[in-house]
N, C-alpha and C. Protein backbone atom coordinates (compact mmCIF):
# COMPACT_ATOMS: atom_id res chain seq x y z
N MET A 1 -29.20 27.18 38.21
CA MET A 1 -28.61 26.03 38.59
C MET A 1 -26.99 27.16 39.08
N LYS A 2 -26.44 26.27 39.83
CA LYS A 2 -25.32 27.10 40.52
C LYS A 2 -24.25 27.01 39.32
N PRO A 3 -22.91 27.92 39.00
CA PRO A 3 -21.99 27.69 38.19
C PRO A 3 -21.18 26.62 38.94
N LEU A 4 -20.37 25.76 37.74
CA LEU A 4 -19.59 24.49 38.52
C LEU A 4 -18.19 25.66 39.19
N PRO A 5 -17.52 24.72 39.73
CA PRO A 5 -16.91 25.24 40.69
C PRO A 5 -15.30 25.07 39.37
N ARG A 6 -14.39 25.83 39.09
CA ARG A 6 -13.10 26.20 38.36
C ARG A 6 -12.57 24.74 38.51
N VAL A 7 -12.68 24.19 39.31
CA VAL A 7 -11.66 23.25 39.41
C VAL A 7 -12.32 21.70 38.77
N SER A 8 -13.61 21.90 38.73
CA SER A 8 -14.41 21.12 38.24
C SER A 8 -14.34 21.09 36.65
N ILE A 9 -14.58 22.11 36.16
CA ILE A 9 -14.57 22.19 34.70
C ILE A 9 -13.33 21.96 34.32
N ALA A 10 -11.79 22.30 35.28
CA ALA A 10 -10.82 22.22 34.46
C ALA A 10 -10.36 20.24 34.31
N LEU A 11 -11.13 19.68 35.30
CA LEU A 11 -11.12 18.34 35.54
C LEU A 11 -11.87 17.30 34.11
N ALA A 12 -13.10 18.46 33.61
CA ALA A 12 -13.94 17.93 32.79
C ALA A 12 -13.88 18.33 31.44
N LEU A 13 -12.54 19.14 31.41
CA LEU A 13 -11.70 19.47 30.10
C LEU A 13 -10.48 18.39 29.95
N LEU A 14 -9.66 18.33 31.19
CA LEU A 14 -8.84 17.34 31.14
C LEU A 14 -9.34 16.04 30.60
N ALA A 15 -10.53 15.54 31.21
CA ALA A 15 -10.93 14.32 30.78
C ALA A 15 -11.11 13.91 29.42
N THR A 16 -12.08 14.74 28.87
CA THR A 16 -12.50 15.26 27.30
C THR A 16 -11.15 15.09 26.82
N THR A 17 -9.91 15.72 26.89
CA THR A 17 -9.04 16.02 25.98
C THR A 17 -8.27 14.83 25.92
N SER A 18 -7.79 14.19 27.20
CA SER A 18 -7.71 12.79 27.32
C SER A 18 -8.32 11.72 26.35
N CYS A 19 -9.32 11.80 26.24
CA CYS A 19 -9.88 10.38 25.86
C CYS A 19 -9.93 10.81 24.21
N GLY A 20 -9.96 12.35 23.90
CA GLY A 20 -9.60 12.68 22.68
C GLY A 20 -7.98 11.96 21.72
N LEU A 21 -7.54 12.08 22.53
CA LEU A 21 -5.86 11.76 22.47
C LEU A 21 -6.00 10.22 22.32
N ALA A 22 -6.24 9.48 23.18
CA ALA A 22 -6.38 8.13 23.39
C ALA A 22 -7.13 7.33 21.95
N THR A 23 -8.33 7.87 21.47
CA THR A 23 -8.91 7.42 20.51
C THR A 23 -7.73 7.92 19.28
N SER A 24 -7.31 8.68 19.04
CA SER A 24 -6.60 9.43 17.91
C SER A 24 -5.23 8.81 17.76
N ARG A 25 -5.15 7.48 18.63
CA ARG A 25 -3.71 6.70 18.38
C ARG A 25 -3.99 5.44 17.85
N PRO A 26 -3.43 4.99 16.98
CA PRO A 26 -4.04 3.63 16.38
C PRO A 26 -3.61 2.50 17.58
N ALA A 27 -4.54 1.62 17.89
CA ALA A 27 -4.74 0.67 18.59
C ALA A 27 -3.57 -0.14 18.53
N GLU A 28 -3.12 -0.50 17.53
CA GLU A 28 -1.61 -1.43 17.47
C GLU A 28 -0.86 -0.93 18.51
N ARG A 29 -0.57 0.14 18.86
CA ARG A 29 0.76 0.76 19.40
C ARG A 29 0.48 -0.06 20.99
N SER A 30 -0.66 -0.30 21.25
CA SER A 30 -1.04 -0.92 22.52
C SER A 30 -1.11 -2.23 23.17
N ASN A 31 -2.19 -2.61 21.89
CA ASN A 31 -2.60 -4.30 22.06
C ASN A 31 -2.38 -4.99 21.23
N SER A 32 -1.99 -4.59 20.13
CA SER A 32 -1.73 -5.80 18.94
C SER A 32 -0.39 -6.63 19.31
N LYS A 33 -0.60 -7.90 18.79
CA LYS A 33 0.38 -8.84 18.93
C LYS A 33 0.96 -9.28 17.64
N VAL A 34 0.76 -8.30 16.81
CA VAL A 34 1.61 -8.10 15.63
C VAL A 34 2.52 -7.14 15.58
N ASN A 35 4.05 -7.77 15.02
CA ASN A 35 4.80 -6.55 15.17
C ASN A 35 4.98 -6.21 13.29
N MET A 36 5.85 -5.51 12.90
CA MET A 36 6.23 -4.96 12.17
C MET A 36 6.57 -5.77 11.12
N GLN A 37 7.29 -6.71 11.31
CA GLN A 37 7.78 -7.98 10.22
C GLN A 37 6.54 -8.68 9.94
N GLN A 38 5.45 -8.82 10.72
CA GLN A 38 4.32 -9.66 10.11
C GLN A 38 3.87 -8.52 9.28
N ALA A 39 3.80 -7.41 9.73
CA ALA A 39 2.73 -6.53 8.73
C ALA A 39 3.47 -6.46 7.73
N ALA A 40 4.45 -6.31 7.47
CA ALA A 40 5.43 -6.13 6.30
C ALA A 40 5.00 -7.32 5.37
N GLU A 41 5.22 -8.64 6.28
CA GLU A 41 4.75 -9.89 5.20
C GLU A 41 3.35 -9.34 4.65
N LYS A 42 2.56 -9.18 5.55
CA LYS A 42 1.04 -9.21 4.89
C LYS A 42 0.77 -8.45 3.76
N ALA A 43 1.71 -7.24 3.96
CA ALA A 43 1.90 -6.20 2.94
C ALA A 43 2.35 -6.93 1.48
N ASP A 44 3.03 -7.59 1.30
CA ASP A 44 4.26 -8.13 0.82
C ASP A 44 2.89 -9.40 0.18
N ALA A 45 2.20 -9.80 0.85
CA ALA A 45 0.71 -11.06 0.28
C ALA A 45 -0.14 -10.13 -0.40
N ILE A 46 -0.33 -8.62 0.27
CA ILE A 46 -1.78 -8.24 -0.70
C ILE A 46 -0.98 -7.51 -2.27
N LEU A 47 0.62 -7.14 -2.24
CA LEU A 47 0.98 -7.02 -3.43
C LEU A 47 0.92 -8.24 -4.49
N GLN A 48 1.15 -9.48 -3.66
CA GLN A 48 1.07 -10.48 -4.44
C GLN A 48 -0.03 -10.47 -5.52
N GLU A 49 -0.72 -10.61 -4.22
CA GLU A 49 -2.21 -11.47 -4.74
C GLU A 49 -2.95 -9.84 -5.82
N THR A 50 -2.36 -8.53 -5.00
CA THR A 50 -3.15 -7.69 -6.49
C THR A 50 -2.23 -8.11 -7.69
N LEU A 51 -0.97 -8.12 -7.91
CA LEU A 51 -0.32 -8.83 -9.44
C LEU A 51 -0.87 -9.87 -9.63
N ALA A 52 -1.19 -10.81 -8.96
CA ALA A 52 -1.53 -12.03 -9.32
C ALA A 52 -3.02 -12.00 -10.02
N GLY A 53 -3.91 -10.89 -9.65
CA GLY A 53 -5.22 -10.65 -10.28
C GLY A 53 -4.84 -9.89 -11.38
N ILE A 54 -3.83 -9.89 -12.45
CA ILE A 54 -3.93 -8.72 -13.24
C ILE A 54 -3.31 -9.52 -14.66
N THR A 55 -3.95 -9.53 -15.85
CA THR A 55 -4.02 -10.68 -16.57
C THR A 55 -4.00 -10.08 -18.09
N PRO A 56 -2.98 -10.21 -18.85
CA PRO A 56 -1.50 -10.89 -18.69
C PRO A 56 -0.73 -10.41 -17.52
N GLY A 57 0.11 -11.13 -17.60
CA GLY A 57 0.91 -10.76 -16.11
C GLY A 57 2.11 -9.56 -16.18
N LEU A 58 2.20 -9.16 -15.27
CA LEU A 58 3.17 -7.97 -15.39
C LEU A 58 4.66 -8.25 -14.68
N ARG A 59 5.31 -8.15 -15.64
CA ARG A 59 7.20 -7.92 -14.75
C ARG A 59 7.35 -6.71 -14.04
N TRP A 60 8.07 -7.34 -12.93
CA TRP A 60 8.19 -6.44 -11.64
C TRP A 60 9.33 -6.67 -11.04
N VAL A 61 9.78 -5.79 -10.29
CA VAL A 61 10.94 -6.06 -9.30
C VAL A 61 10.36 -5.31 -7.70
N HIS A 62 10.93 -5.62 -7.08
CA HIS A 62 10.80 -5.07 -5.57
C HIS A 62 11.35 -3.71 -5.60
N GLU A 63 10.67 -2.97 -4.60
CA GLU A 63 11.58 -1.82 -4.23
C GLU A 63 12.52 -2.13 -2.76
N ALA A 64 12.98 -1.07 -2.49
CA ALA A 64 13.88 -1.29 -0.73
C ALA A 64 12.48 -1.20 -0.05
N SER A 65 12.59 -2.11 0.92
CA SER A 65 11.54 -1.71 2.38
C SER A 65 12.04 -0.36 2.89
N ASP A 66 11.16 0.19 3.62
CA ASP A 66 11.19 1.13 4.32
C ASP A 66 10.35 1.35 5.74
N ASP A 67 10.84 2.00 6.51
CA ASP A 67 10.25 1.88 7.96
C ASP A 67 10.09 3.08 8.25
N SER A 68 9.55 3.45 9.29
CA SER A 68 9.54 4.67 10.14
C SER A 68 8.71 4.39 11.74
N GLY A 69 9.10 4.85 12.91
CA GLY A 69 8.58 5.25 13.72
C GLY A 69 7.10 5.70 13.81
N CYS A 70 6.17 5.47 14.88
CA CYS A 70 4.74 6.18 14.88
C CYS A 70 5.08 6.63 16.42
N PRO A 71 5.42 7.85 16.36
CA PRO A 71 5.65 8.91 17.48
C PRO A 71 3.99 9.21 18.09
N ASP A 72 4.26 9.50 19.42
CA ASP A 72 2.64 10.27 19.84
C ASP A 72 2.89 11.27 19.80
N TRP A 73 1.78 12.27 20.25
CA TRP A 73 1.46 13.42 19.87
C TRP A 73 2.69 14.53 20.65
N LYS A 74 3.53 14.12 21.24
CA LYS A 74 4.45 14.57 21.93
C LYS A 74 5.82 14.34 20.86
N ASN A 75 5.54 14.04 20.26
CA ASN A 75 6.90 13.13 19.09
C ASN A 75 7.61 12.26 20.63
N ALA A 76 6.98 11.50 20.83
CA ALA A 76 8.06 10.61 22.00
C ALA A 76 7.56 9.02 21.02
N ALA A 77 8.92 8.33 21.22
CA ALA A 77 8.82 7.07 20.92
C ALA A 77 7.35 6.06 21.82
N THR A 78 7.07 5.34 20.66
CA THR A 78 5.97 4.78 21.30
C THR A 78 5.81 3.17 21.39
N GLY A 79 7.62 2.79 20.49
CA GLY A 79 7.76 1.40 20.69
C GLY A 79 6.91 0.65 19.52
N ALA A 80 5.99 1.59 18.36
CA ALA A 80 5.80 0.81 17.23
C ALA A 80 6.26 1.37 16.03
N GLY A 81 5.76 0.93 15.05
CA GLY A 81 6.51 1.88 13.47
C GLY A 81 5.53 1.35 12.30
N SER A 82 5.94 1.84 11.25
CA SER A 82 4.96 1.28 10.21
C SER A 82 5.95 0.80 8.82
N VAL A 83 5.48 0.65 8.06
CA VAL A 83 6.03 -0.35 7.25
C VAL A 83 5.78 -0.09 5.45
N ALA A 84 6.61 0.38 4.71
CA ALA A 84 6.07 0.31 3.27
C ALA A 84 6.88 -0.30 2.48
N ARG A 85 6.10 -1.07 1.53
CA ARG A 85 6.82 -2.05 0.90
C ARG A 85 6.29 -1.36 -1.10
N GLY A 86 7.06 -1.80 -1.81
CA GLY A 86 6.31 -1.42 -3.19
C GLY A 86 7.22 -2.06 -4.30
N VAL A 87 6.91 -2.40 -5.17
CA VAL A 87 7.02 -2.79 -6.45
C VAL A 87 6.82 -1.91 -7.75
N MET A 88 8.15 -1.88 -8.36
CA MET A 88 8.15 -1.33 -9.88
C MET A 88 7.52 -2.20 -10.92
N ILE A 89 7.08 -1.74 -12.13
CA ILE A 89 6.89 -2.54 -12.89
C ILE A 89 8.00 -2.17 -14.17
N MET A 90 8.25 -3.54 -14.71
CA MET A 90 9.47 -3.35 -15.49
C MET A 90 8.60 -3.98 -16.93
N THR A 91 7.13 -4.08 -17.20
CA THR A 91 6.70 -4.44 -18.38
C THR A 91 6.39 -2.75 -18.97
N ILE A 92 6.44 -2.95 -19.90
CA ILE A 92 6.01 -1.63 -20.79
C ILE A 92 4.43 -1.28 -20.90
N VAL A 93 3.84 -0.40 -20.36
CA VAL A 93 2.44 -0.35 -20.36
C VAL A 93 2.33 0.81 -21.33
N SER A 94 1.63 0.79 -22.41
CA SER A 94 1.41 2.12 -23.20
C SER A 94 0.87 3.05 -23.06
N PRO A 95 0.88 4.14 -23.36
CA PRO A 95 -0.31 5.33 -22.82
C PRO A 95 -1.57 4.87 -23.34
N GLU A 96 -2.14 4.07 -24.32
CA GLU A 96 -3.13 3.52 -25.03
C GLU A 96 -3.83 2.72 -23.85
N ARG A 97 -2.54 1.57 -23.25
CA ARG A 97 -3.41 0.70 -22.07
C ARG A 97 -3.31 0.90 -20.48
N ARG A 98 -2.61 2.40 -20.17
CA ARG A 98 -2.43 2.62 -19.11
C ARG A 98 -3.82 2.82 -18.33
N GLY A 99 -4.98 2.89 -18.73
CA GLY A 99 -6.09 3.50 -18.24
C GLY A 99 -6.87 1.97 -18.22
N SER A 100 -6.46 0.87 -19.04
CA SER A 100 -7.22 -0.33 -18.67
C SER A 100 -6.54 -0.95 -17.47
N LEU A 101 -5.11 -1.06 -17.26
CA LEU A 101 -4.67 -1.47 -16.29
C LEU A 101 -5.11 -0.75 -14.97
N LEU A 102 -5.03 0.49 -14.63
CA LEU A 102 -5.66 1.28 -13.59
C LEU A 102 -7.22 0.52 -13.32
N GLY A 103 -7.97 0.84 -14.16
CA GLY A 103 -9.45 -0.02 -14.19
C GLY A 103 -9.44 -1.28 -13.72
N VAL A 104 -8.36 -2.48 -14.21
CA VAL A 104 -8.39 -3.87 -13.62
C VAL A 104 -8.17 -3.78 -12.21
N VAL A 105 -7.06 -2.65 -11.99
CA VAL A 105 -7.04 -2.93 -10.29
C VAL A 105 -7.88 -2.09 -9.66
N GLU A 106 -8.04 -1.45 -9.79
CA GLU A 106 -9.50 -0.67 -9.00
C GLU A 106 -10.70 -1.70 -8.81
N ARG A 107 -10.91 -2.47 -10.01
CA ARG A 107 -12.16 -3.73 -9.88
C ARG A 107 -11.33 -4.65 -8.95
N ASN A 108 -10.69 -4.97 -9.02
CA ASN A 108 -9.59 -6.18 -7.91
C ASN A 108 -9.70 -5.59 -6.97
N TRP A 109 -9.31 -4.61 -6.36
CA TRP A 109 -9.14 -3.91 -5.06
C TRP A 109 -10.94 -3.68 -4.42
N LYS A 110 -11.66 -3.73 -5.35
CA LYS A 110 -13.25 -3.21 -4.85
C LYS A 110 -13.45 -4.63 -4.47
N ALA A 111 -13.45 -5.75 -5.52
CA ALA A 111 -14.17 -6.98 -5.51
C ALA A 111 -13.41 -7.78 -4.06
N ARG A 112 -12.36 -7.02 -3.54
CA ARG A 112 -11.65 -8.19 -2.38
C ARG A 112 -11.58 -7.22 -1.03
N GLY A 113 -13.01 -6.46 -1.23
CA GLY A 113 -13.29 -5.53 -0.05
C GLY A 113 -12.73 -4.19 0.49
N PHE A 114 -12.02 -3.92 -0.57
CA PHE A 114 -11.33 -2.81 -0.32
C PHE A 114 -11.81 -1.35 -0.50
N LYS A 115 -11.42 -0.41 0.09
CA LYS A 115 -12.12 1.10 -0.31
C LYS A 115 -11.28 1.72 -1.16
N ILE A 116 -11.77 2.20 -2.17
CA ILE A 116 -11.01 3.09 -2.54
C ILE A 116 -11.29 4.71 -2.35
N THR A 117 -9.99 5.12 -2.03
CA THR A 117 -9.86 6.08 -0.88
C THR A 117 -9.73 7.46 -2.41
N SER A 118 -9.20 7.68 -2.84
CA SER A 118 -8.69 8.39 -4.20
C SER A 118 -8.64 8.20 -5.28
N ILE A 119 -9.22 8.98 -6.74
CA ILE A 119 -8.50 8.71 -7.58
C ILE A 119 -8.00 9.93 -8.49
N ASP A 120 -6.59 9.78 -8.74
CA ASP A 120 -6.10 11.23 -9.14
C ASP A 120 -6.14 10.84 -11.19
N SER A 121 -7.07 11.63 -11.81
CA SER A 121 -7.00 11.66 -12.93
C SER A 121 -6.41 12.36 -14.07
N ASP A 122 -5.13 12.62 -13.26
CA ASP A 122 -3.95 13.35 -14.15
C ASP A 122 -3.78 12.36 -15.31
N ALA A 123 -4.06 13.46 -16.37
CA ALA A 123 -3.68 12.84 -18.01
C ALA A 123 -2.19 11.77 -17.96
N THR A 124 -1.37 12.97 -17.44
CA THR A 124 -0.13 12.25 -17.68
C THR A 124 0.35 10.97 -16.18
N LEU A 125 0.13 11.75 -14.77
CA LEU A 125 0.38 11.04 -13.93
C LEU A 125 -0.46 10.20 -12.89
N PRO A 126 -1.80 9.65 -13.60
CA PRO A 126 -2.72 9.09 -12.90
C PRO A 126 -2.67 8.05 -11.58
N ALA A 127 -3.60 7.88 -10.74
CA ALA A 127 -3.04 6.78 -9.33
C ALA A 127 -4.59 6.90 -9.21
N VAL A 128 -4.42 5.23 -8.23
CA VAL A 128 -5.56 4.66 -7.53
C VAL A 128 -5.04 4.60 -6.19
N TYR A 129 -6.00 4.96 -5.14
CA TYR A 129 -5.52 5.16 -3.72
C TYR A 129 -6.55 4.22 -3.19
N ALA A 130 -6.62 3.43 -2.00
CA ALA A 130 -7.36 2.56 -1.49
C ALA A 130 -6.56 2.05 -0.14
N SER A 131 -7.77 1.50 0.53
CA SER A 131 -7.02 0.85 1.87
C SER A 131 -8.19 -0.02 2.16
N THR A 132 -7.06 -0.78 3.11
CA THR A 132 -7.97 -2.32 3.40
C THR A 132 -8.87 -2.21 4.41
N PRO A 133 -9.66 -3.13 5.30
CA PRO A 133 -10.51 -3.08 6.08
C PRO A 133 -9.52 -2.81 7.56
N ASP A 134 -8.33 -2.97 7.61
CA ASP A 134 -7.50 -2.83 8.72
C ASP A 134 -6.46 -1.92 8.18
N ASN A 135 -6.86 -0.83 7.62
CA ASN A 135 -6.03 0.26 7.02
C ASN A 135 -5.13 -0.04 6.76
N PHE A 136 -4.43 -1.34 6.01
CA PHE A 136 -2.81 -1.03 5.05
C PHE A 136 -3.63 0.24 3.83
N ARG A 137 -2.60 0.67 3.39
CA ARG A 137 -2.92 1.92 2.52
C ARG A 137 -1.97 1.84 1.18
N MET A 138 -2.92 1.50 0.22
CA MET A 138 -2.43 1.14 -1.14
C MET A 138 -2.47 2.22 -2.05
N GLU A 139 -1.57 2.26 -3.24
CA GLU A 139 -1.64 3.24 -4.50
C GLU A 139 -0.97 2.31 -5.50
N VAL A 140 -1.42 2.10 -6.99
CA VAL A 140 -1.14 2.15 -8.01
C VAL A 140 -0.93 3.65 -8.99
N ALA A 141 0.01 3.47 -9.28
CA ALA A 141 0.52 5.11 -9.99
C ALA A 141 1.01 5.00 -10.93
N VAL A 142 1.15 5.93 -11.78
CA VAL A 142 1.85 5.87 -13.25
C VAL A 142 3.18 7.34 -12.42
N GLY A 143 4.23 6.76 -13.16
CA GLY A 143 5.43 7.67 -13.05
C GLY A 143 6.00 8.09 -13.94
N GLY A 144 7.09 8.64 -14.29
CA GLY A 144 7.87 8.61 -15.38
C GLY A 144 8.05 7.79 -16.41
N GLU A 145 7.98 8.46 -17.41
CA GLU A 145 8.25 7.33 -18.74
C GLU A 145 7.13 5.82 -18.73
N GLY A 146 5.79 7.10 -18.02
CA GLY A 146 4.65 5.31 -17.88
C GLY A 146 5.02 4.49 -17.14
N GLN A 147 5.71 4.41 -16.09
CA GLN A 147 6.25 3.29 -15.31
C GLN A 147 5.26 2.87 -14.23
N PHE A 148 4.55 2.06 -14.18
CA PHE A 148 3.75 1.71 -13.20
C PHE A 148 4.14 1.27 -11.48
N LYS A 149 3.89 1.74 -10.39
CA LYS A 149 4.41 1.36 -9.31
C LYS A 149 3.03 1.20 -8.45
N PHE A 150 3.53 0.00 -7.59
CA PHE A 150 2.46 -0.64 -6.60
C PHE A 150 3.31 -0.23 -5.09
N GLY A 151 2.39 0.29 -4.41
CA GLY A 151 3.05 0.46 -3.15
C GLY A 151 1.75 0.00 -1.77
N ILE A 152 2.43 0.03 -0.61
CA ILE A 152 1.52 -0.24 0.48
C ILE A 152 2.43 0.12 1.65
N THR A 153 1.33 0.76 2.50
CA THR A 153 1.98 0.97 3.96
C THR A 153 1.07 0.75 5.03
N THR A 154 1.94 0.20 5.86
CA THR A 154 0.87 -0.41 7.28
C THR A 154 0.75 0.23 7.93
N PRO A 155 -0.38 0.18 8.98
CA PRO A 155 -0.52 0.80 10.35
C PRO A 155 0.65 0.39 11.26
N CYS A 156 0.40 1.13 12.34
CA CYS A 156 1.55 1.07 13.14
C CYS A 156 1.23 -0.40 14.07
N PHE A 157 2.52 -0.95 14.20
CA PHE A 157 2.35 -2.09 15.03
C PHE A 157 4.11 -2.27 15.67
N ALA A 158 3.79 -3.36 16.61
CA ALA A 158 5.21 -3.42 17.74
C ALA A 158 6.30 -2.99 16.63
N ASP A 159 7.31 -2.56 17.37
CA ASP A 159 8.52 -2.45 16.73
C ASP A 159 9.16 -3.98 16.37
N SER A 160 10.18 -3.86 15.59
CA SER A 160 10.70 -5.39 15.22
C SER A 160 11.40 -5.00 14.05
N PRO A 161 12.41 -5.41 13.85
CA PRO A 161 13.23 -5.57 12.90
C PRO A 161 12.79 -6.24 11.68
N VAL A 162 12.78 -5.32 10.28
CA VAL A 162 12.15 -5.45 9.00
C VAL A 162 13.42 -6.58 8.17
N GLN A 163 12.64 -7.24 7.43
CA GLN A 163 13.55 -7.87 6.41
C GLN A 163 13.11 -7.44 5.16
N GLU A 164 14.32 -7.68 4.10
CA GLU A 164 13.64 -7.18 3.07
C GLU A 164 12.75 -8.17 2.19
N PRO A 165 11.98 -7.45 0.87
CA PRO A 165 11.23 -8.66 1.09
C PRO A 165 11.58 -9.62 -0.10
N THR A 166 11.23 -10.90 0.02
CA THR A 166 11.65 -11.81 -0.90
C THR A 166 10.66 -12.11 -2.07
N THR A 167 10.94 -13.06 -3.09
CA THR A 167 10.12 -13.42 -4.19
C THR A 167 9.52 -14.62 -3.95
N PRO A 168 8.15 -15.15 -3.77
CA PRO A 168 7.82 -16.11 -3.54
C PRO A 168 8.26 -17.26 -4.64
N SER A 169 8.48 -18.42 -4.36
CA SER A 169 9.19 -19.28 -5.16
C SER A 169 8.11 -19.56 -6.36
N ASN A 170 6.89 -19.79 -6.38
CA ASN A 170 6.14 -19.86 -6.99
C ASN A 170 5.61 -18.80 -7.69
N VAL A 171 6.69 -17.56 -8.05
CA VAL A 171 6.58 -16.86 -9.19
C VAL A 171 7.81 -16.07 -9.71
N ASP A 172 7.11 -16.00 -10.92
CA ASP A 172 8.32 -15.53 -11.86
C ASP A 172 8.03 -14.55 -12.24
N THR A 173 9.25 -13.43 -11.78
CA THR A 173 9.19 -11.76 -12.35
C THR A 173 9.73 -11.75 -13.53
N ASN A 174 10.72 -12.64 -14.12
CA ASN A 174 11.68 -12.49 -15.49
C ASN A 174 12.51 -11.49 -15.21
N THR A 175 12.70 -10.79 -14.23
CA THR A 175 13.35 -9.50 -14.11
C THR A 175 14.42 -9.78 -13.09
N PRO A 176 15.98 -9.64 -13.37
CA PRO A 176 16.57 -9.26 -12.47
C PRO A 176 16.68 -8.29 -10.92
N ALA A 177 17.09 -8.89 -10.11
CA ALA A 177 17.30 -8.32 -8.58
C ALA A 177 18.32 -6.80 -8.96
N TYR A 178 17.69 -6.01 -8.51
CA TYR A 178 18.37 -4.87 -8.09
C TYR A 178 18.57 -4.60 -6.89
N GLU A 179 19.72 -5.10 -6.48
CA GLU A 179 19.58 -5.04 -4.62
C GLU A 179 21.02 -4.07 -4.78
N GLY A 180 21.23 -3.61 -3.49
CA GLY A 180 22.58 -3.25 -2.81
C GLY A 180 22.54 -1.88 -3.55
N GLY A 181 21.52 -0.94 -3.61
CA GLY A 181 21.41 0.39 -4.04
C GLY A 181 21.56 0.71 -5.37
N LYS A 182 21.37 -0.22 -6.62
CA LYS A 182 21.28 0.18 -7.64
C LYS A 182 19.98 0.31 -8.26
N PRO A 183 20.44 1.40 -9.14
CA PRO A 183 18.99 2.18 -9.52
C PRO A 183 18.22 1.18 -10.58
N LEU A 184 17.07 1.31 -9.93
CA LEU A 184 16.10 0.59 -10.72
C LEU A 184 16.07 1.08 -12.08
N PRO A 185 15.64 0.43 -13.13
CA PRO A 185 15.44 1.15 -14.52
C PRO A 185 13.94 1.38 -14.47
N ARG A 186 13.93 1.65 -15.88
CA ARG A 186 12.92 2.09 -16.65
C ARG A 186 12.13 0.96 -17.51
N PRO A 187 10.79 1.05 -17.50
CA PRO A 187 10.02 0.16 -18.23
C PRO A 187 10.98 -0.59 -19.52
N TYR A 188 11.18 -1.55 -19.61
CA TYR A 188 11.74 -2.34 -20.83
C TYR A 188 11.23 -3.38 -21.28
N ILE A 189 10.18 -4.24 -20.88
CA ILE A 189 10.40 -5.47 -21.51
C ILE A 189 8.67 -5.53 -22.01
N HIS A 190 8.84 -5.83 -23.17
CA HIS A 190 7.37 -5.61 -24.09
C HIS A 190 6.51 -6.67 -24.00
N ASP A 191 5.00 -6.31 -23.79
CA ASP A 191 4.03 -7.11 -23.71
C ASP A 191 3.14 -7.05 -24.89
N ASP A 192 2.80 -8.09 -25.66
CA ASP A 192 2.11 -8.38 -26.57
C ASP A 192 0.49 -7.42 -26.14
N PHE A 193 -0.27 -7.55 -25.23
CA PHE A 193 -1.21 -6.58 -24.92
C PHE A 193 -0.72 -5.29 -24.07
N TRP A 194 -0.06 -5.46 -23.18
CA TRP A 194 0.07 -4.27 -22.50
C TRP A 194 0.77 -2.87 -22.98
N SER A 195 1.61 -3.53 -24.32
CA SER A 195 2.48 -2.77 -24.92
C SER A 195 2.23 -2.07 -25.91
N ALA A 196 1.01 -2.51 -26.02
CA ALA A 196 0.71 -2.39 -27.90
C ALA A 196 -0.14 -0.53 -27.65
N ASN A 197 -0.19 -0.18 -29.17
CA ASN A 197 -0.24 1.18 -28.91
C ASN A 197 -1.61 1.39 -29.43
N THR A 198 -2.73 0.42 -29.21
CA THR A 198 -4.24 0.83 -29.74
C THR A 198 -5.08 0.86 -28.49
N PRO A 199 -6.02 1.24 -28.04
CA PRO A 199 -6.82 1.14 -27.02
C PRO A 199 -7.37 -0.21 -26.76
N GLY A 200 -7.52 -0.55 -25.55
CA GLY A 200 -7.65 -2.01 -25.31
C GLY A 200 -8.74 -2.32 -24.27
N ALA A 201 -9.43 -3.30 -24.46
CA ALA A 201 -10.75 -3.71 -22.97
C ALA A 201 -9.87 -4.13 -22.25
N PRO A 202 -10.17 -4.17 -20.75
CA PRO A 202 -9.22 -5.40 -19.92
C PRO A 202 -9.82 -6.63 -20.18
N THR A 203 -8.49 -6.95 -20.04
CA THR A 203 -9.00 -8.66 -20.01
C THR A 203 -9.36 -9.40 -19.13
N PRO A 204 -10.35 -10.30 -19.18
CA PRO A 204 -11.11 -11.06 -18.47
C PRO A 204 -9.92 -10.97 -16.92
N GLN A 205 -10.99 -11.27 -15.83
CA GLN A 205 -9.78 -11.79 -14.61
C GLN A 205 -10.37 -13.00 -13.82
N GLY A 206 -9.37 -13.72 -13.55
CA GLY A 206 -9.84 -14.67 -12.62
C GLY A 206 -10.63 -14.22 -11.46
N THR A 207 -10.59 -15.59 -10.80
CA THR A 207 -11.09 -15.44 -9.19
C THR A 207 -10.18 -14.75 -8.37
N LEU A 208 -10.50 -13.78 -7.73
CA LEU A 208 -9.00 -13.32 -6.80
C LEU A 208 -9.01 -13.88 -5.33
N PRO A 209 -7.73 -14.17 -4.53
CA PRO A 209 -7.81 -14.53 -3.57
C PRO A 209 -8.59 -13.47 -2.50
N SER A 210 -8.76 -14.25 -1.29
CA SER A 210 -9.57 -13.67 -0.22
C SER A 210 -8.55 -12.63 0.47
N ALA A 211 -9.52 -11.38 0.73
CA ALA A 211 -8.88 -10.37 1.32
C ALA A 211 -8.27 -10.85 2.93
N ASN A 212 -9.14 -11.97 3.62
CA ASN A 212 -9.46 -12.13 4.58
C ASN A 212 -8.25 -12.87 5.21
N ARG A 213 -6.94 -12.29 5.96
CA ARG A 213 -6.08 -12.97 6.02
C ARG A 213 -5.59 -13.19 8.11
């Protein structure tokens, strides 16, 4: 068999490299009709559905929204961006009940068809990470003074202005809004179940909302 000409080899390598680069970019950058605001609204809905699946309910407050661009492999703008949303829990969750809360969230996410991607079993700052079938990446993590945080980051979608999250009218957080750069406090709201200093099994969970939106 005759060796391939150098030009043919170069073209073959270029084609292979180009295919690899194309498949590594999120499809949303080129053909999705969803924009960043719509993605943020879906992220908010997933967070609300997650919180609604926890009994007794937790008291919480929104974190400020954050977004970032999705550059290509040359670090050039692509006209797409990703949004991060989060809520901080104001309910005091005792060390004895933190494992129960993490277990409730993990089971809820699995029941909704989400994939558990990682579990951090740190004794002080444990966390559970997951992703939806369309690659919204989620976390529930224990931070300083036992404060729980629920966060979600969207894939890359068409660039658009993104509004701050709002609380649905049918949701009662029983916490003040910490807006305008005010620092969020540590947990301060007592709950007879979550704040108890005795080990407790997770409470029964109701039927969760559908993960298909």
